[in-house]
Amino acid sequence: MTAAAFQAAGTMLDLLKAPVKARERRTGGACHERKALHQTLRRLLVDRFGSVPENFLQRIENITDADRLTTFVVQVWHVAAPEDLQL
């Protein structure tokens, strides 16, 4: 195999790996975003309402959609009680 063939094979392999690496970056980033949103929502609820039932906090932890979590973060200031959030 010539040097050009080795280089071409390496380039092809890099092209094949690119979508996998991009997906790993997106997934990792999304995971960190969800974790930060979970922590923020938990903190806001405790700051606003004092104690929050652990089973309610667990329901929040089970939410995987970052957009829903973001909506709840905003809604914390507009509800009278944590249970008013439509989880």
C-alpha atoms as a PDB file:
ATOM      1  CA  MET A   1       0.000   0.000   0.000  1.00  0.00           C
ATOM      2  CA  THR A   2       1.351   3.411  -0.917  1.00  0.00           C
ATOM      3  CA  ALA A   3       1.608   6.433   1.342  1.00  0.00           C
ATOM      4  CA  ALA A   4      -1.247   8.058  -0.584  1.00  0.00           C
ATOM      5  CA  ALA A   5      -3.424   4.984  -0.041  1.00  0.00           C
ATOM      6  CA  PHE A   6      -2.667   4.996   3.708  1.00  0.00           C
ATOM      7  CA  GLN A   7      -3.512   8.688   3.858  1.00  0.00           C
ATOM      8  CA  ALA A   8      -6.764   8.136   1.939  1.00  0.00           C
ATOM      9  CA  ALA A   9      -7.705   5.256   4.253  1.00  0.00           C
ATOM     10  CA  GLY A  10      -7.000   7.420   7.288  1.00  0.00           C
ATOM     11  CA  THR A  11      -9.115  10.233   5.873  1.00  0.00           C
ATOM     12  CA  MET A  12     -11.982   7.840   5.162  1.00  0.00           C
ATOM     13  CA  LEU A  13     -11.801   6.483   8.704  1.00  0.00           C
ATOM     14  CA  ASP A  14     -11.875  10.033  10.090  1.00  0.00           C
ATOM     15  CA  LEU A  15     -14.933  10.794   7.963  1.00  0.00           C
ATOM     16  CA  LEU A  16     -16.681   7.686   9.282  1.00  0.00           C
ATOM     17  CA  LYS A  17     -15.859   8.551  12.892  1.00  0.00           C
ATOM     18  CA  ALA A  18     -16.967  12.195  12.618  1.00  0.00           C
ATOM     19  CA  PRO A  19     -20.727  11.595  13.092  1.00  0.00           C
ATOM     20  CA  VAL A  20     -20.069   9.364  16.102  1.00  0.00           C
ATOM     21  CA  LYS A  21     -17.826  11.973  17.720  1.00  0.00           C
ATOM     22  CA  ALA A  22     -20.351  14.727  16.992  1.00  0.00           C
ATOM     23  CA  ARG A  23     -23.147  12.652  18.535  1.00  0.00           C
ATOM     24  CA  GLU A  24     -21.011  11.992  21.609  1.00  0.00           C
ATOM     25  CA  ARG A  25     -20.395  15.739  21.976  1.00  0.00           C
ATOM     26  CA  ARG A  26     -24.089  16.533  21.558  1.00  0.00           C
ATOM     27  CA  THR A  27     -25.176  13.812  23.974  1.00  0.00           C
ATOM     28  CA  GLY A  28     -22.583  14.778  26.559  1.00  0.00           C
ATOM     29  CA  GLY A  29     -23.522  18.420  26.272  1.00  0.00           C
ATOM     30  CA  ALA A  30     -27.210  17.627  26.556  1.00  0.00           C
ATOM     31  CA  CYS A  31     -26.524  15.520  29.633  1.00  0.00           C
ATOM     32  CA  HIS A  32     -24.659  18.382  31.300  1.00  0.00           C
ATOM     33  CA  GLU A  33     -27.410  20.810  30.334  1.00  0.00           C
ATOM     34  CA  ARG A  34     -30.101  18.588  31.876  1.00  0.00           C
ATOM     35  CA  LYS A  35     -28.041  18.141  35.022  1.00  0.00           C
ATOM     36  CA  ALA A  36     -27.616  21.911  35.363  1.00  0.00           C
ATOM     37  CA  LEU A  37     -31.332  22.471  34.785  1.00  0.00           C
ATOM     38  CA  HIS A  38     -32.233  19.824  37.377  1.00  0.00           C
ATOM     39  CA  GLN A  39     -29.942  21.479  39.910  1.00  0.00           C
ATOM     40  CA  THR A  40     -31.249  24.951  39.105  1.00  0.00           C
ATOM     41  CA  LEU A  41     -34.882  23.893  39.369  1.00  0.00           C
ATOM     42  CA  ARG A  42     -34.271  22.077  42.641  1.00  0.00           C
ATOM     43  CA  ARG A  43     -32.473  25.118  44.079  1.00  0.00           C
ATOM     44  CA  LEU A  44     -35.169  27.550  42.954  1.00  0.00           C
ATOM     45  CA  LEU A  45     -37.925  25.395  44.424  1.00  0.00           C
ATOM     46  CA  VAL A  46     -36.171  25.087  47.769  1.00  0.00           C
ATOM     47  CA  ASP A  47     -35.321  28.807  47.844  1.00  0.00           C
ATOM     48  CA  ARG A  48     -38.863  29.814  46.955  1.00  0.00           C
ATOM     49  CA  PHE A  49     -40.905  27.287  48.958  1.00  0.00           C
ATOM     50  CA  GLY A  50     -38.558  26.028  51.666  1.00  0.00           C
ATOM     51  CA  SER A  51     -38.801  22.278  51.870  1.00  0.00           C
ATOM     52  CA  VAL A  52     -40.015  20.356  48.831  1.00  0.00           C
ATOM     53  CA  PRO A  53     -41.178  16.721  49.114  1.00  0.00           C
ATOM     54  CA  GLU A  54     -38.480  14.298  48.022  1.00  0.00           C
ATOM     55  CA  ASN A  55     -40.911  12.384  45.784  1.00  0.00           C
ATOM     56  CA  PHE A  56     -41.647  15.649  43.945  1.00  0.00           C
ATOM     57  CA  LEU A  57     -37.926  16.301  43.469  1.00  0.00           C
ATOM     58  CA  GLN A  58     -37.534  12.736  42.176  1.00  0.00           C
ATOM     59  CA  ARG A  59     -40.238  13.375  39.579  1.00  0.00           C
ATOM     60  CA  ILE A  60     -38.226  16.389  38.421  1.00  0.00           C
ATOM     61  CA  GLU A  61     -35.059  14.264  38.171  1.00  0.00           C
ATOM     62  CA  ASN A  62     -36.943  11.854  35.884  1.00  0.00           C
ATOM     63  CA  ILE A  63     -37.620  14.580  33.304  1.00  0.00           C
ATOM     64  CA  THR A  64     -35.201  14.238  30.398  1.00  0.00           C
ATOM     65  CA  ASP A  65     -36.469  17.000  28.101  1.00  0.00           C
ATOM     66  CA  ALA A  66     -34.343  20.146  28.560  1.00  0.00           C
ATOM     67  CA  ASP A  67     -37.061  22.358  27.078  1.00  0.00           C
ATOM     68  CA  ARG A  68     -39.585  21.153  29.666  1.00  0.00           C
ATOM     69  CA  LEU A  69     -37.074  21.715  32.450  1.00  0.00           C
ATOM     70  CA  THR A  70     -36.404  25.234  31.194  1.00  0.00           C
ATOM     71  CA  THR A  71     -40.140  25.940  31.174  1.00  0.00           C
ATOM     72  CA  PHE A  72     -40.413  24.784  34.789  1.00  0.00           C
ATOM     73  CA  VAL A  73     -37.461  26.963  35.831  1.00  0.00           C
ATOM     74  CA  VAL A  74     -39.326  30.001  34.485  1.00  0.00           C
ATOM     75  CA  GLN A  75     -42.667  28.894  35.984  1.00  0.00           C
ATOM     76  CA  VAL A  76     -41.274  28.563  39.521  1.00  0.00           C
ATOM     77  CA  TRP A  77     -41.819  32.304  40.009  1.00  0.00           C
ATOM     78  CA  HIS A  78     -45.431  32.133  38.793  1.00  0.00           C
ATOM     79  CA  VAL A  79     -46.875  29.297  40.867  1.00  0.00           C
ATOM     80  CA  ALA A  80     -48.231  29.345  44.413  1.00  0.00           C
ATOM     81  CA  ALA A  81     -46.872  25.900  45.308  1.00  0.00           C
ATOM     82  CA  PRO A  82     -44.481  23.365  43.771  1.00  0.00           C
ATOM     83  CA  GLU A  83     -47.407  21.068  43.018  1.00  0.00           C
ATOM     84  CA  ASP A  84     -48.767  23.750  40.654  1.00  0.00           C
ATOM     85  CA  LEU A  85     -46.008  22.894  38.189  1.00  0.00           C
ATOM     86  CA  GLN A  86     -47.557  20.531  35.658  1.00  0.00           C
ATOM     87  CA  LEU A  87     -44.848  17.840  35.676  1.00  0.00           C
END
